């Protein structure tokens, strides 16, 4: 995902925070995990904690995993996901 896509989704969540508070908090958690992955991979590598590198890699991909999961759920009519159409 590009930073502009992350920003677009975040702006939608901020604009609709009162209507979708759980979705807003969930996206913040995804972004927190994403930042933790980017911040953590260098120390994990430097201190030879190689077991943490796959976790950091998964954390870096968290927004992509989350948006794919939401898109599939939206297409299957299990969840309504208005921010997918806000391109």
Protein backbone atom coordinates (compact mmCIF):
# COMPACT_ATOMS: atom_id res chain seq x y z
CA UNK A 1 0.00 0.00 0.00
CA UNK A 2 1.17 3.50 -0.67
CA UNK A 3 1.22 6.23 1.92
CA UNK A 4 -1.45 8.11 -0.01
CA UNK A 5 -3.77 5.09 0.25
CA UNK A 6 -3.11 4.83 3.99
CA UNK A 7 -3.77 8.55 4.35
CA UNK A 8 -6.99 8.39 2.33
CA UNK A 9 -8.35 5.57 4.49
CA UNK A 10 -7.28 7.36 7.68
CA UNK A 11 -8.97 10.58 6.55
CA UNK A 12 -12.19 8.67 5.89
CA UNK A 13 -12.05 7.14 9.37
CA UNK A 14 -11.41 10.51 11.00
CA UNK A 15 -14.31 12.08 9.08
CA UNK A 16 -16.67 9.26 10.11
CA UNK A 17 -15.33 8.66 13.62
CA UNK A 18 -18.65 9.29 15.36
CA UNK A 19 -20.54 6.98 12.98
CA UNK A 20 -17.98 4.12 13.06
CA UNK A 21 -15.98 4.31 16.33
CA UNK A 22 -14.95 0.64 16.36
CA UNK A 23 -13.73 0.79 12.77
CA UNK A 24 -11.78 3.95 13.62
CA UNK A 25 -10.07 2.26 16.58
CA UNK A 26 -9.37 -0.90 14.60
CA UNK A 27 -7.67 1.08 11.82
CA UNK A 28 -5.58 2.90 14.46
CA UNK A 29 -4.53 -0.49 15.84
CA UNK A 30 -3.56 -1.68 12.34
CA UNK A 31 -1.48 1.47 11.81
CA UNK A 32 0.15 1.05 15.23
CA UNK A 33 1.18 -2.51 14.35
CA UNK A 34 2.46 -1.23 10.98
CA UNK A 35 4.65 1.40 12.65
CA UNK A 36 5.90 -1.16 15.18
CA UNK A 37 6.99 -3.39 12.30
CA UNK A 38 8.92 -0.59 10.59
CA UNK A 39 10.54 0.55 13.83
CA UNK A 40 11.33 -2.95 15.07
CA UNK A 41 13.00 -4.63 12.11
CA UNK A 42 16.28 -2.70 12.35
CA UNK A 43 16.91 -3.38 16.08
CA UNK A 44 15.84 -7.00 15.62
CA UNK A 45 18.42 -7.39 12.89
CA UNK A 46 21.12 -5.37 14.70
CA UNK A 47 20.75 -7.39 17.92
CA UNK A 48 20.53 -10.66 16.00
CA UNK A 49 17.03 -11.42 17.18
CA UNK A 50 16.19 -13.10 13.90
CA UNK A 51 13.08 -14.74 15.31
CA UNK A 52 11.47 -11.27 15.38
CA UNK A 53 12.07 -10.48 11.70
CA UNK A 54 9.09 -12.49 10.38
CA UNK A 55 6.88 -10.78 12.97
CA UNK A 56 8.13 -7.38 11.83
CA UNK A 57 7.53 -8.37 8.22
CA UNK A 58 3.98 -9.41 8.97
CA UNK A 59 3.43 -6.18 10.90
CA UNK A 60 4.67 -4.14 7.96
CA UNK A 61 2.10 -5.89 5.76
CA UNK A 62 -0.74 -5.51 8.30
CA UNK A 63 -2.57 -2.69 6.45
CA UNK A 64 -2.51 -4.69 3.22
CA UNK A 65 -3.81 -7.83 4.97
CA UNK A 66 -6.52 -5.83 6.74
CA UNK A 67 -7.77 -4.05 3.61
CA UNK A 68 -7.83 -7.31 1.62
CA UNK A 69 -9.78 -9.02 4.39
CA UNK A 70 -12.24 -6.11 4.54
CA UNK A 71 -12.62 -6.02 0.74
CA UNK A 72 -13.41 -9.76 0.63
CA UNK A 73 -15.90 -9.43 3.49
CA UNK A 74 -17.52 -6.44 1.76
CA UNK A 75 -17.83 -8.31 -1.54
CA UNK A 76 -19.33 -11.30 0.27
CA UNK A 77 -21.86 -8.93 1.92
CA UNK A 78 -20.65 -9.87 5.41
CA UNK A 79 -19.42 -6.37 6.30
CA UNK A 80 -20.22 -2.98 4.91
CA UNK A 81 -17.06 -1.10 4.08
CA UNK A 82 -17.78 2.44 2.87
CA UNK A 83 -14.16 3.57 2.85
CA UNK A 84 -13.33 1.16 0.01
CA UNK A 85 -15.32 3.34 -2.39
CA UNK A 86 -13.82 6.63 -1.20
CA UNK A 87 -11.06 6.73 -3.81
